[in-house]
Amino acid sequence: MQILNPQRLLLTAAAALMMLPLFPVYAAWQPEKPVEIVVPTGAGGTNDQMARLVQSSLQAQKLISVPALVVNKSGGNQSLAVVYVNQHKADPHYLLYSTATVFTNEIAGLTKQKYTELSPVALLLVDYTVISVKADSPIKTMRDMVVRLKASPDAISFGLVSRGGPNHLAAAQTMKSAGIQPKALKFVVFKTNAQSMTAAMGGHIDAVVSSVSAAMPQTEAGNMRILGIAAPQRQPGKLAQVPTMREEGMPATGIPNWRGILAASGVTADQVAFWSGALTKVVATKEWKQQLDENNVASEFTTGEPLHKWLAEAYQDTRTVMSDLGLVK
C-alpha cells in the first residue's frame, strides 16, 4: 500500500490553485432561442436562396442548437427589413441578410436609418458590375465605347434595372474615371435584366449594365458579349478572359453590389464573434462554393475590423458617385 506524503499533496493542491484563472470563467455565448435570418426580398430569389443555404448549413453542421428560420420582409427597398431587425435591439437572434441598398436608401434620403446603426457580422459575397453588348456589336472593347462617348456622351444607350442602384453607380464611376460626365449618359430603365438583355439583342439599346449573374446566361448562350468588369482584379473561372475597367484604361474598381450579414444594434462583441465564427464554417462548405459558382458571384468573406474598414470605404465611394449623379438628399 502506497502512503501519500501530506506535504507533497499540499504542494500539489497549491500549484493547481495557482493555475486557475483569477476571474470566473463563463461559457461562450450561443443562441438561446430560434434565430431569424431576415431577407429583404421575396421568397425564391437569389437572396432568399443564399439565406436559406446559410440556414441549412448552420443546422446541418450543428453550429447552433436552436431552430433557424428564414423570414422574408420585402418592401421599401430593404427599409422594412432593417426596421424589423432593429426593433429587436441588442438581440443577436435576428440577422439581416443585407444588400447594398442599406447604403443607397440613406444617402438618397429615402430613410434615416444608417448602416452604422446595425452591427456588421460578415461580408459574404459581391456580384460585380459588367457592361455587355450584343454579340455582333461594332463596339468591340471598353476603349471603343469610351471613344464614342467622348465624341458624344449620349451616343450609346445603356439598359439597366434600377436608377441609383449599384450597377448604375458602377457605370457612372467608370465613365467619370474616363473623363465623361455621368449625368450626360443615356440610361434606359427596365423592369428586369431579362428585358434589358432582350432589348440589346433586338438592337433597341446599345449596351446593358448589370451584375455578372444577370449577364452570364445570354453571354454563355452566345447572344451577348461582356466588354469589361468593374472589379478590383480579374475574376476567375468563366470571367478569366474579361478585362477589368482599370485594364481598359479607366481607374475604377466599381461600386460593389454586396451581400452580408448584419445584426441589430447593441449586440455584444462576443455575440458578433459567435456568428462570424459560424459563418466562417458555412462559407467553407462545398455547397456554398457551388452556389457561388452557379450564380457567378465572387466570394469576398470578411469579418472583424477589415469588414468595418471595407464597409466604410464602400459607403464613401457610393456616396461620391451618387453625388455626381445628383442623387444625394
C-alpha atoms as a PDB file:
ATOM      1  CA  MET A   1       0.000   0.000   0.000  1.00  0.00           C
ATOM      2  CA  GLN A   2       1.394   3.389  -1.066  1.00  0.00           C
ATOM      3  CA  ILE A   3       1.495   6.045   1.651  1.00  0.00           C
ATOM      4  CA  LEU A   4       0.975   9.584   0.307  1.00  0.00           C
ATOM      5  CA  ASN A   5       3.087  12.382   1.682  1.00  0.00           C
ATOM      6  CA  PRO A   6       0.729  15.043   3.155  1.00  0.00           C
ATOM      7  CA  GLN A   7       3.234  17.834   2.460  1.00  0.00           C
ATOM      8  CA  ARG A   8       3.511  16.770  -1.168  1.00  0.00           C
ATOM      9  CA  LEU A   9      -0.262  16.675  -1.501  1.00  0.00           C
ATOM     10  CA  LEU A  10      -0.487  20.207  -0.120  1.00  0.00           C
ATOM     11  CA  LEU A  11       2.094  21.496  -2.577  1.00  0.00           C
ATOM     12  CA  THR A  12       0.309  19.796  -5.478  1.00  0.00           C
ATOM     13  CA  ALA A  13      -3.013  21.340  -4.487  1.00  0.00           C
ATOM     14  CA  ALA A  14      -1.445  24.781  -4.145  1.00  0.00           C
ATOM     15  CA  ALA A  15       0.117  24.511  -7.580  1.00  0.00           C
ATOM     16  CA  ALA A  16      -3.234  23.529  -9.076  1.00  0.00           C
ATOM     17  CA  LEU A  17      -4.937  26.511  -7.475  1.00  0.00           C
ATOM     18  CA  MET A  18      -2.291  28.848  -8.891  1.00  0.00           C
ATOM     19  CA  MET A  19      -3.147  27.596 -12.363  1.00  0.00           C
ATOM     20  CA  LEU A  20      -6.807  28.636 -12.045  1.00  0.00           C
ATOM     21  CA  PRO A  21      -7.815  31.988 -13.576  1.00  0.00           C
ATOM     22  CA  LEU A  22      -8.283  34.938 -11.244  1.00  0.00           C
ATOM     23  CA  PHE A  23     -11.722  35.660 -12.691  1.00  0.00           C
ATOM     24  CA  PRO A  24     -14.746  33.397 -13.163  1.00  0.00           C
ATOM     25  CA  VAL A  25     -14.919  31.550 -16.476  1.00  0.00           C
ATOM     26  CA  TYR A  26     -18.163  31.878 -18.436  1.00  0.00           C
ATOM     27  CA  ALA A  27     -19.249  29.747 -21.355  1.00  0.00           C
ATOM     28  CA  ALA A  28     -19.031  31.459 -24.762  1.00  0.00           C
ATOM     29  CA  TRP A  29     -22.328  32.914 -25.948  1.00  0.00           C
ATOM     30  CA  GLN A  30     -24.579  30.724 -28.064  1.00  0.00           C
ATOM     31  CA  PRO A  31     -28.104  31.284 -29.397  1.00  0.00           C
ATOM     32  CA  GLU A  32     -30.715  30.529 -26.770  1.00  0.00           C
ATOM     33  CA  LYS A  33     -33.904  30.747 -28.829  1.00  0.00           C
ATOM     34  CA  PRO A  34     -34.927  30.418 -32.505  1.00  0.00           C
ATOM     35  CA  VAL A  35     -32.848  32.526 -34.903  1.00  0.00           C
ATOM     36  CA  GLU A  36     -34.411  34.602 -37.672  1.00  0.00           C
ATOM     37  CA  ILE A  37     -32.450  35.299 -40.857  1.00  0.00           C
ATOM     38  CA  VAL A  38     -34.306  38.261 -42.333  1.00  0.00           C
ATOM     39  CA  VAL A  39     -34.242  38.612 -46.126  1.00  0.00           C
ATOM     40  CA  PRO A  40     -35.223  41.999 -47.645  1.00  0.00           C
ATOM     41  CA  THR A  41     -36.626  40.423 -50.818  1.00  0.00           C
ATOM     42  CA  GLY A  42     -39.320  37.880 -51.649  1.00  0.00           C
ATOM     43  CA  ALA A  43     -39.119  34.110 -51.476  1.00  0.00           C
ATOM     44  CA  GLY A  44     -37.476  32.252 -54.349  1.00  0.00           C
ATOM     45  CA  GLY A  45     -34.963  34.874 -55.488  1.00  0.00           C
ATOM     46  CA  THR A  46     -31.182  34.665 -55.252  1.00  0.00           C
ATOM     47  CA  ASN A  47     -31.054  36.459 -51.894  1.00  0.00           C
ATOM     48  CA  ASP A  48     -33.616  34.061 -50.484  1.00  0.00           C
ATOM     49  CA  GLN A  49     -31.724  31.054 -51.846  1.00  0.00           C
ATOM     50  CA  MET A  50     -28.423  32.148 -50.317  1.00  0.00           C
ATOM     51  CA  ALA A  51     -30.030  32.941 -46.958  1.00  0.00           C
ATOM     52  CA  ARG A  52     -31.665  29.509 -46.904  1.00  0.00           C
ATOM     53  CA  LEU A  53     -28.301  27.938 -47.642  1.00  0.00           C
ATOM     54  CA  VAL A  54     -26.898  29.748 -44.585  1.00  0.00           C
ATOM     55  CA  GLN A  55     -29.852  28.469 -42.570  1.00  0.00           C
ATOM     56  CA  SER A  56     -29.461  24.845 -43.659  1.00  0.00           C
ATOM     57  CA  SER A  57     -25.687  24.873 -43.181  1.00  0.00           C
ATOM     58  CA  LEU A  58     -25.947  26.250 -39.649  1.00  0.00           C
ATOM     59  CA  GLN A  59     -28.215  23.366 -38.753  1.00  0.00           C
ATOM     60  CA  ALA A  60     -26.562  20.609 -40.795  1.00  0.00           C
ATOM     61  CA  GLN A  61     -23.178  21.344 -39.216  1.00  0.00           C
ATOM     62  CA  LYS A  62     -24.804  21.671 -35.776  1.00  0.00           C
ATOM     63  CA  LEU A  63     -23.322  25.139 -35.403  1.00  0.00           C
ATOM     64  CA  ILE A  64     -26.415  26.133 -33.441  1.00  0.00           C
ATOM     65  CA  SER A  65     -28.626  24.067 -31.164  1.00  0.00           C
ATOM     66  CA  VAL A  66     -31.814  26.052 -31.810  1.00  0.00           C
ATOM     67  CA  PRO A  67     -34.025  26.310 -34.922  1.00  0.00           C
ATOM     68  CA  ALA A  68     -33.149  28.844 -37.630  1.00  0.00           C
ATOM     69  CA  LEU A  69     -35.855  30.418 -39.763  1.00  0.00           C
ATOM     70  CA  VAL A  70     -35.694  32.486 -42.942  1.00  0.00           C
ATOM     71  CA  VAL A  71     -38.143  35.393 -42.765  1.00  0.00           C
ATOM     72  CA  ASN A  72     -38.861  37.399 -45.934  1.00  0.00           C
ATOM     73  CA  LYS A  73     -39.540  41.086 -45.261  1.00  0.00           C
ATOM     74  CA  SER A  74     -39.683  42.633 -48.724  1.00  0.00           C
ATOM     75  CA  GLY A  75     -40.655  46.234 -49.282  1.00  0.00           C
ATOM     76  CA  GLY A  76     -39.136  49.688 -49.135  1.00  0.00           C
ATOM     77  CA  ASN A  77     -36.022  48.526 -50.982  1.00  0.00           C
ATOM     78  CA  GLN A  78     -34.817  46.802 -47.755  1.00  0.00           C
ATOM     79  CA  SER A  79     -36.076  49.510 -45.373  1.00  0.00           C
ATOM     80  CA  LEU A  80     -38.784  47.277 -43.884  1.00  0.00           C
ATOM     81  CA  ALA A  81     -36.288  44.525 -43.153  1.00  0.00           C
ATOM     82  CA  VAL A  82     -33.883  46.957 -41.465  1.00  0.00           C
ATOM     83  CA  VAL A  83     -36.668  48.380 -39.288  1.00  0.00           C
ATOM     84  CA  TYR A  84     -37.772  44.874 -38.326  1.00  0.00           C
ATOM     85  CA  VAL A  85     -34.290  43.777 -37.254  1.00  0.00           C
ATOM     86  CA  ASN A  86     -33.631  46.949 -35.279  1.00  0.00           C
ATOM     87  CA  GLN A  87     -36.921  46.557 -33.442  1.00  0.00           C
ATOM     88  CA  HIS A  88     -35.034  43.790 -31.655  1.00  0.00           C
ATOM     89  CA  LYS A  89     -32.205  45.966 -30.399  1.00  0.00           C
ATOM     90  CA  ALA A  90     -29.383  44.097 -28.656  1.00  0.00           C
ATOM     91  CA  ASP A  91     -30.956  40.762 -29.597  1.00  0.00           C
ATOM     92  CA  PRO A  92     -28.429  38.603 -31.511  1.00  0.00           C
ATOM     93  CA  HIS A  93     -31.119  36.153 -32.631  1.00  0.00           C
ATOM     94  CA  TYR A  94     -32.122  38.441 -35.527  1.00  0.00           C
ATOM     95  CA  LEU A  95     -29.763  38.582 -38.519  1.00  0.00           C
ATOM     96  CA  LEU A  96     -30.261  40.678 -41.643  1.00  0.00           C
ATOM     97  CA  TYR A  97     -29.140  39.228 -44.973  1.00  0.00           C
ATOM     98  CA  SER A  98     -28.267  42.700 -46.180  1.00  0.00           C
ATOM     99  CA  THR A  99     -27.786  44.183 -49.641  1.00  0.00           C
ATOM    100  CA  ALA A 100     -26.008  47.372 -50.712  1.00  0.00           C
ATOM    101  CA  THR A 101     -29.269  49.320 -50.613  1.00  0.00           C
ATOM    102  CA  VAL A 102     -28.647  49.772 -46.892  1.00  0.00           C
ATOM    103  CA  PHE A 103     -26.225  52.462 -48.158  1.00  0.00           C
ATOM    104  CA  THR A 104     -28.203  53.972 -51.006  1.00  0.00           C
ATOM    105  CA  ASN A 105     -31.508  54.301 -49.164  1.00  0.00           C
ATOM    106  CA  GLU A 106     -29.955  56.542 -46.542  1.00  0.00           C
ATOM    107  CA  ILE A 107     -27.805  58.544 -48.973  1.00  0.00           C
ATOM    108  CA  ALA A 108     -30.795  59.201 -51.241  1.00  0.00           C
ATOM    109  CA  GLY A 109     -32.859  60.371 -48.288  1.00  0.00           C
ATOM    110  CA  LEU A 110     -35.352  57.516 -48.540  1.00  0.00           C
ATOM    111  CA  THR A 111     -34.740  56.593 -44.908  1.00  0.00           C
ATOM    112  CA  LYS A 112     -32.909  57.959 -41.887  1.00  0.00           C
ATOM    113  CA  GLN A 113     -31.629  54.521 -40.995  1.00  0.00           C
ATOM    114  CA  LYS A 114     -27.849  54.341 -41.302  1.00  0.00           C
ATOM    115  CA  TYR A 115     -25.876  51.153 -41.767  1.00  0.00           C
ATOM    116  CA  THR A 116     -23.785  52.190 -38.756  1.00  0.00           C
ATOM    117  CA  GLU A 117     -26.904  51.705 -36.614  1.00  0.00           C
ATOM    118  CA  LEU A 118     -26.599  47.979 -37.282  1.00  0.00           C
ATOM    119  CA  SER A 119     -23.867  45.582 -36.156  1.00  0.00           C
ATOM    120  CA  PRO A 120     -21.728  44.239 -39.035  1.00  0.00           C
ATOM    121  CA  VAL A 121     -21.075  40.500 -38.773  1.00  0.00           C
ATOM    122  CA  ALA A 122     -19.707  39.353 -42.140  1.00  0.00           C
ATOM    123  CA  LEU A 123     -19.373  40.263 -45.797  1.00  0.00           C
ATOM    124  CA  LEU A 124     -20.362  37.178 -47.776  1.00  0.00           C
ATOM    125  CA  LEU A 125     -20.160  37.913 -51.490  1.00  0.00           C
ATOM    126  CA  VAL A 126     -20.055  40.565 -54.205  1.00  0.00           C
ATOM    127  CA  ASP A 127     -21.915  40.488 -57.512  1.00  0.00           C
ATOM    128  CA  TYR A 128     -19.712  42.758 -59.624  1.00  0.00           C
ATOM    129  CA  THR A 129     -20.985  45.015 -62.389  1.00  0.00           C
ATOM    130  CA  VAL A 130     -20.300  44.330 -66.064  1.00  0.00           C
ATOM    131  CA  ILE A 131     -21.110  46.171 -69.280  1.00  0.00           C
ATOM    132  CA  SER A 132     -22.323  43.943 -72.099  1.00  0.00           C
ATOM    133  CA  VAL A 133     -23.199  44.451 -75.757  1.00  0.00           C
ATOM    134  CA  LYS A 134     -24.870  42.364 -78.432  1.00  0.00           C
ATOM    135  CA  ALA A 135     -22.536  39.650 -79.703  1.00  0.00           C
ATOM    136  CA  ASP A 136     -22.132  41.268 -83.134  1.00  0.00           C
ATOM    137  CA  SER A 137     -21.989  44.859 -81.853  1.00  0.00           C
ATOM    138  CA  PRO A 138     -19.466  47.124 -83.584  1.00  0.00           C
ATOM    139  CA  ILE A 139     -18.309  48.142 -80.106  1.00  0.00           C
ATOM    140  CA  LYS A 140     -15.515  45.636 -79.506  1.00  0.00           C
ATOM    141  CA  THR A 141     -13.915  46.879 -76.284  1.00  0.00           C
ATOM    142  CA  MET A 142     -14.465  49.336 -73.453  1.00  0.00           C
ATOM    143  CA  ARG A 143     -11.883  51.560 -75.081  1.00  0.00           C
ATOM    144  CA  ASP A 144     -14.043  51.656 -78.230  1.00  0.00           C
ATOM    145  CA  MET A 145     -17.021  52.609 -76.111  1.00  0.00           C
ATOM    146  CA  VAL A 146     -15.151  55.427 -74.392  1.00  0.00           C
ATOM    147  CA  VAL A 147     -14.014  56.892 -77.728  1.00  0.00           C
ATOM    148  CA  ARG A 148     -17.632  57.045 -78.910  1.00  0.00           C
ATOM    149  CA  LEU A 149     -18.869  58.534 -75.647  1.00  0.00           C
ATOM    150  CA  LYS A 150     -16.203  61.229 -75.592  1.00  0.00           C
ATOM    151  CA  ALA A 151     -17.311  62.274 -79.052  1.00  0.00           C
ATOM    152  CA  SER A 152     -20.969  62.299 -77.931  1.00  0.00           C
ATOM    153  CA  PRO A 153     -21.935  61.272 -74.364  1.00  0.00           C
ATOM    154  CA  ASP A 154     -25.454  60.292 -75.424  1.00  0.00           C
ATOM    155  CA  ALA A 155     -24.331  58.270 -78.443  1.00  0.00           C
ATOM    156  CA  ILE A 156     -24.746  54.994 -76.577  1.00  0.00           C
ATOM    157  CA  SER A 157     -27.882  53.924 -74.720  1.00  0.00           C
ATOM    158  CA  PHE A 158     -27.419  51.764 -71.628  1.00  0.00           C
ATOM    159  CA  GLY A 159     -30.139  49.489 -70.277  1.00  0.00           C
ATOM    160  CA  LEU A 160     -30.345  48.820 -66.551  1.00  0.00           C
ATOM    161  CA  VAL A 161     -32.858  47.817 -63.908  1.00  0.00           C
ATOM    162  CA  SER A 162     -32.503  50.350 -61.125  1.00  0.00           C
ATOM    163  CA  ARG A 163     -31.576  54.007 -61.388  1.00  0.00           C
ATOM    164  CA  GLY A 164     -29.350  54.748 -58.416  1.00  0.00           C
ATOM    165  CA  GLY A 165     -28.625  51.062 -57.808  1.00  0.00           C
ATOM    166  CA  PRO A 166     -25.103  49.580 -57.558  1.00  0.00           C
ATOM    167  CA  ASN A 167     -24.868  48.796 -61.292  1.00  0.00           C
ATOM    168  CA  HIS A 168     -25.923  52.303 -62.305  1.00  0.00           C
ATOM    169  CA  LEU A 169     -23.409  53.739 -59.838  1.00  0.00           C
ATOM    170  CA  ALA A 170     -20.599  51.469 -61.040  1.00  0.00           C
ATOM    171  CA  ALA A 171     -21.192  52.531 -64.649  1.00  0.00           C
ATOM    172  CA  ALA A 172     -21.198  56.195 -63.631  1.00  0.00           C
ATOM    173  CA  GLN A 173     -17.967  55.767 -61.659  1.00  0.00           C
ATOM    174  CA  THR A 174     -16.339  54.022 -64.631  1.00  0.00           C
ATOM    175  CA  MET A 175     -17.273  56.705 -67.110  1.00  0.00           C
ATOM    176  CA  LYS A 176     -16.280  59.543 -64.805  1.00  0.00           C
ATOM    177  CA  SER A 177     -12.845  57.954 -64.434  1.00  0.00           C
ATOM    178  CA  ALA A 178     -12.608  58.108 -68.247  1.00  0.00           C
ATOM    179  CA  GLY A 179     -13.406  61.826 -68.251  1.00  0.00           C
ATOM    180  CA  ILE A 180     -17.088  61.516 -69.189  1.00  0.00           C
ATOM    181  CA  GLN A 181     -19.757  63.286 -67.149  1.00  0.00           C
ATOM    182  CA  PRO A 182     -22.136  60.651 -65.705  1.00  0.00           C
ATOM    183  CA  LYS A 183     -25.158  62.960 -65.931  1.00  0.00           C
ATOM    184  CA  ALA A 184     -24.719  63.178 -69.714  1.00  0.00           C
ATOM    185  CA  LEU A 185     -25.023  59.415 -70.219  1.00  0.00           C
ATOM    186  CA  LYS A 186     -28.216  57.912 -71.634  1.00  0.00           C
ATOM    187  CA  PHE A 187     -29.701  55.276 -69.331  1.00  0.00           C
ATOM    188  CA  VAL A 188     -32.918  53.376 -70.067  1.00  0.00           C
ATOM    189  CA  VAL A 189     -34.596  51.711 -67.088  1.00  0.00           C
ATOM    190  CA  PHE A 190     -36.226  48.281 -67.487  1.00  0.00           C
ATOM    191  CA  LYS A 191     -38.251  46.240 -65.008  1.00  0.00           C
ATOM    192  CA  THR A 192     -35.975  43.210 -65.284  1.00  0.00           C
ATOM    193  CA  ASN A 193     -32.490  42.344 -66.507  1.00  0.00           C
ATOM    194  CA  ALA A 194     -34.048  39.889 -68.948  1.00  0.00           C
ATOM    195  CA  GLN A 195     -35.954  42.735 -70.607  1.00  0.00           C
ATOM    196  CA  SER A 196     -32.817  44.857 -70.950  1.00  0.00           C
ATOM    197  CA  MET A 197     -30.923  41.928 -72.490  1.00  0.00           C
ATOM    198  CA  THR A 198     -33.742  41.315 -74.946  1.00  0.00           C
ATOM    199  CA  ALA A 199     -33.748  44.987 -75.917  1.00  0.00           C
ATOM    200  CA  ALA A 200     -29.999  44.901 -76.556  1.00  0.00           C
ATOM    201  CA  MET A 201     -30.216  41.723 -78.631  1.00  0.00           C
ATOM    202  CA  GLY A 202     -33.005  43.336 -80.641  1.00  0.00           C
ATOM    203  CA  GLY A 203     -30.942  46.436 -81.328  1.00  0.00           C
ATOM    204  CA  HIS A 204     -33.198  48.774 -79.329  1.00  0.00           C
ATOM    205  CA  ILE A 205     -30.388  49.784 -76.958  1.00  0.00           C
ATOM    206  CA  ASP A 206     -26.617  49.613 -77.378  1.00  0.00           C
ATOM    207  CA  ALA A 207     -25.429  48.106 -74.098  1.00  0.00           C
ATOM    208  CA  VAL A 208     -26.562  46.674 -70.783  1.00  0.00           C
ATOM    209  CA  VAL A 209     -25.212  47.488 -67.339  1.00  0.00           C
ATOM    210  CA  SER A 210     -25.883  44.588 -64.984  1.00  0.00           C
ATOM    211  CA  SER A 211     -24.457  42.236 -62.422  1.00  0.00           C
ATOM    212  CA  VAL A 212     -22.304  39.336 -63.551  1.00  0.00           C
ATOM    213  CA  SER A 213     -25.021  36.875 -62.547  1.00  0.00           C
ATOM    214  CA  ALA A 214     -27.564  38.644 -64.764  1.00  0.00           C
ATOM    215  CA  ALA A 215     -25.204  38.858 -67.751  1.00  0.00           C
ATOM    216  CA  MET A 216     -23.898  35.298 -67.840  1.00  0.00           C
ATOM    217  CA  PRO A 217     -26.915  33.394 -69.220  1.00  0.00           C
ATOM    218  CA  GLN A 218     -27.053  35.351 -72.503  1.00  0.00           C
ATOM    219  CA  THR A 219     -23.258  35.569 -72.640  1.00  0.00           C
ATOM    220  CA  GLU A 220     -22.910  31.800 -72.383  1.00  0.00           C
ATOM    221  CA  ALA A 221     -25.651  31.401 -74.977  1.00  0.00           C
ATOM    222  CA  GLY A 222     -23.558  33.477 -77.395  1.00  0.00           C
ATOM    223  CA  ASN A 223     -26.082  36.309 -77.662  1.00  0.00           C
ATOM    224  CA  MET A 224     -24.219  38.918 -75.605  1.00  0.00           C
ATOM    225  CA  ARG A 225     -20.574  39.811 -75.061  1.00  0.00           C
ATOM    226  CA  ILE A 226     -19.096  41.266 -71.860  1.00  0.00           C
ATOM    227  CA  LEU A 227     -16.722  44.182 -72.506  1.00  0.00           C
ATOM    228  CA  GLY A 228     -15.426  44.753 -69.005  1.00  0.00           C
ATOM    229  CA  ILE A 229     -15.966  44.203 -65.310  1.00  0.00           C
ATOM    230  CA  ALA A 230     -15.895  46.858 -62.575  1.00  0.00           C
ATOM    231  CA  ALA A 231     -13.851  44.907 -60.037  1.00  0.00           C
ATOM    232  CA  PRO A 232     -10.518  45.386 -58.257  1.00  0.00           C
ATOM    233  CA  GLN A 233      -8.958  42.493 -60.190  1.00  0.00           C
ATOM    234  CA  ARG A 234      -9.816  39.913 -62.832  1.00  0.00           C
ATOM    235  CA  GLN A 235     -12.204  37.252 -61.696  1.00  0.00           C
ATOM    236  CA  PRO A 236     -11.516  33.525 -62.086  1.00  0.00           C
ATOM    237  CA  GLY A 237     -13.389  30.838 -63.952  1.00  0.00           C
ATOM    238  CA  LYS A 238     -15.824  31.940 -66.640  1.00  0.00           C
ATOM    239  CA  LEU A 239     -14.710  35.571 -66.265  1.00  0.00           C
ATOM    240  CA  ALA A 240     -10.988  34.946 -66.613  1.00  0.00           C
ATOM    241  CA  GLN A 241     -10.898  36.496 -70.102  1.00  0.00           C
ATOM    242  CA  VAL A 242     -12.922  39.591 -69.159  1.00  0.00           C
ATOM    243  CA  PRO A 243     -10.698  42.632 -68.543  1.00  0.00           C
ATOM    244  CA  THR A 244     -11.250  44.955 -65.617  1.00  0.00           C
ATOM    245  CA  MET A 245     -12.129  48.577 -66.251  1.00  0.00           C
ATOM    246  CA  ARG A 246      -8.690  49.508 -64.970  1.00  0.00           C
ATOM    247  CA  GLU A 247      -7.086  47.290 -67.603  1.00  0.00           C
ATOM    248  CA  GLU A 248      -9.140  49.140 -70.210  1.00  0.00           C
ATOM    249  CA  GLY A 249      -7.746  52.490 -69.093  1.00  0.00           C
ATOM    250  CA  MET A 250     -10.404  53.517 -66.555  1.00  0.00           C
ATOM    251  CA  PRO A 251      -9.163  53.566 -62.933  1.00  0.00           C
ATOM    252  CA  ALA A 252     -12.483  52.459 -61.458  1.00  0.00           C
ATOM    253  CA  THR A 253     -12.938  49.417 -59.247  1.00  0.00           C
ATOM    254  CA  GLY A 254     -16.725  49.530 -59.118  1.00  0.00           C
ATOM    255  CA  ILE A 255     -19.440  50.107 -56.561  1.00  0.00           C
ATOM    256  CA  PRO A 256     -19.806  46.645 -55.047  1.00  0.00           C
ATOM    257  CA  ASN A 257     -23.225  45.032 -55.148  1.00  0.00           C
ATOM    258  CA  TRP A 258     -22.554  43.187 -51.923  1.00  0.00           C
ATOM    259  CA  ARG A 259     -24.362  40.786 -49.637  1.00  0.00           C
ATOM    260  CA  GLY A 260     -23.589  40.385 -45.974  1.00  0.00           C
ATOM    261  CA  ILE A 261     -24.926  39.631 -42.530  1.00  0.00           C
ATOM    262  CA  LEU A 262     -25.746  42.489 -40.167  1.00  0.00           C
ATOM    263  CA  ALA A 263     -27.167  42.121 -36.666  1.00  0.00           C
ATOM    264  CA  ALA A 264     -29.284  44.543 -34.686  1.00  0.00           C
ATOM    265  CA  SER A 265     -27.657  47.442 -32.902  1.00  0.00           C
ATOM    266  CA  GLY A 266     -26.429  46.833 -29.385  1.00  0.00           C
ATOM    267  CA  VAL A 267     -25.298  43.222 -29.713  1.00  0.00           C
ATOM    268  CA  THR A 268     -22.079  42.381 -27.887  1.00  0.00           C
ATOM    269  CA  ALA A 269     -18.651  41.641 -29.336  1.00  0.00           C
ATOM    270  CA  ASP A 270     -18.928  38.031 -28.128  1.00  0.00           C
ATOM    271  CA  GLN A 271     -22.224  37.607 -29.961  1.00  0.00           C
ATOM    272  CA  VAL A 272     -20.800  39.051 -33.186  1.00  0.00           C
ATOM    273  CA  ALA A 273     -17.770  36.790 -32.783  1.00  0.00           C
ATOM    274  CA  PHE A 274     -20.008  33.735 -32.453  1.00  0.00           C
ATOM    275  CA  TRP A 275     -21.837  34.493 -35.696  1.00  0.00           C
ATOM    276  CA  SER A 276     -18.611  35.382 -37.516  1.00  0.00           C
ATOM    277  CA  GLY A 277     -17.133  32.059 -36.482  1.00  0.00           C
ATOM    278  CA  ALA A 278     -20.226  30.127 -37.507  1.00  0.00           C
ATOM    279  CA  LEU A 279     -20.361  31.833 -40.902  1.00  0.00           C
ATOM    280  CA  THR A 280     -16.680  31.069 -41.452  1.00  0.00           C
ATOM    281  CA  LYS A 281     -17.676  27.398 -41.383  1.00  0.00           C
ATOM    282  CA  VAL A 282     -20.714  27.979 -43.595  1.00  0.00           C
ATOM    283  CA  VAL A 283     -18.717  29.581 -46.423  1.00  0.00           C
ATOM    284  CA  ALA A 284     -16.137  26.780 -46.285  1.00  0.00           C
ATOM    285  CA  THR A 285     -18.670  24.151 -47.363  1.00  0.00           C
ATOM    286  CA  LYS A 286     -18.724  22.733 -50.873  1.00  0.00           C
ATOM    287  CA  GLU A 287     -22.440  23.573 -51.091  1.00  0.00           C
ATOM    288  CA  TRP A 288     -21.750  27.267 -50.531  1.00  0.00           C
ATOM    289  CA  LYS A 289     -18.908  27.352 -53.037  1.00  0.00           C
ATOM    290  CA  GLN A 290     -21.015  25.505 -55.588  1.00  0.00           C
ATOM    291  CA  GLN A 291     -23.869  28.000 -55.180  1.00  0.00           C
ATOM    292  CA  LEU A 292     -21.496  30.922 -55.714  1.00  0.00           C
ATOM    293  CA  ASP A 293     -20.185  29.294 -58.888  1.00  0.00           C
ATOM    294  CA  GLU A 294     -23.686  28.644 -60.189  1.00  0.00           C
ATOM    295  CA  ASN A 295     -24.689  32.263 -59.549  1.00  0.00           C
ATOM    296  CA  ASN A 296     -21.390  33.616 -60.954  1.00  0.00           C
ATOM    297  CA  VAL A 297     -20.707  35.762 -57.899  1.00  0.00           C
ATOM    298  CA  ALA A 298     -17.432  36.344 -56.074  1.00  0.00           C
ATOM    299  CA  SER A 299     -16.683  35.166 -52.550  1.00  0.00           C
ATOM    300  CA  GLU A 300     -15.434  38.118 -50.507  1.00  0.00           C
ATOM    301  CA  PHE A 301     -15.786  36.737 -46.990  1.00  0.00           C
ATOM    302  CA  THR A 302     -14.619  39.340 -44.487  1.00  0.00           C
ATOM    303  CA  THR A 303     -15.170  39.835 -40.754  1.00  0.00           C
ATOM    304  CA  GLY A 304     -13.876  41.906 -37.849  1.00  0.00           C
ATOM    305  CA  GLU A 305     -12.025  45.178 -38.277  1.00  0.00           C
ATOM    306  CA  PRO A 306     -11.308  44.603 -42.017  1.00  0.00           C
ATOM    307  CA  LEU A 307     -15.077  44.378 -42.512  1.00  0.00           C
ATOM    308  CA  HIS A 308     -15.679  47.707 -40.789  1.00  0.00           C
ATOM    309  CA  LYS A 309     -12.993  49.325 -42.952  1.00  0.00           C
ATOM    310  CA  TRP A 310     -14.402  47.758 -46.126  1.00  0.00           C
ATOM    311  CA  LEU A 311     -17.929  48.968 -45.393  1.00  0.00           C
ATOM    312  CA  ALA A 312     -16.741  52.497 -44.597  1.00  0.00           C
ATOM    313  CA  GLU A 313     -14.822  52.733 -47.884  1.00  0.00           C
ATOM    314  CA  ALA A 314     -17.677  51.235 -49.908  1.00  0.00           C
ATOM    315  CA  TYR A 315     -20.133  53.665 -48.303  1.00  0.00           C
ATOM    316  CA  GLN A 316     -17.959  56.663 -49.156  1.00  0.00           C
ATOM    317  CA  ASP A 317     -17.458  55.500 -52.753  1.00  0.00           C
ATOM    318  CA  THR A 318     -21.211  55.038 -53.082  1.00  0.00           C
ATOM    319  CA  ARG A 319     -21.919  58.499 -51.694  1.00  0.00           C
ATOM    320  CA  THR A 320     -19.381  60.106 -54.031  1.00  0.00           C
ATOM    321  CA  VAL A 321     -20.908  58.617 -57.172  1.00  0.00           C
ATOM    322  CA  MET A 322     -24.461  59.334 -56.049  1.00  0.00           C
ATOM    323  CA  SER A 323     -23.409  62.943 -55.542  1.00  0.00           C
ATOM    324  CA  ASP A 324     -22.025  63.030 -59.097  1.00  0.00           C
ATOM    325  CA  LEU A 325     -25.437  61.860 -60.329  1.00  0.00           C
ATOM    326  CA  GLY A 326     -27.340  64.357 -58.202  1.00  0.00           C
ATOM    327  CA  LEU A 327     -28.929  61.597 -56.119  1.00  0.00           C
ATOM    328  CA  VAL A 328     -27.803  62.728 -52.643  1.00  0.00           C
ATOM    329  CA  LYS A 329     -30.563  64.158 -50.472  1.00  0.00           C
END
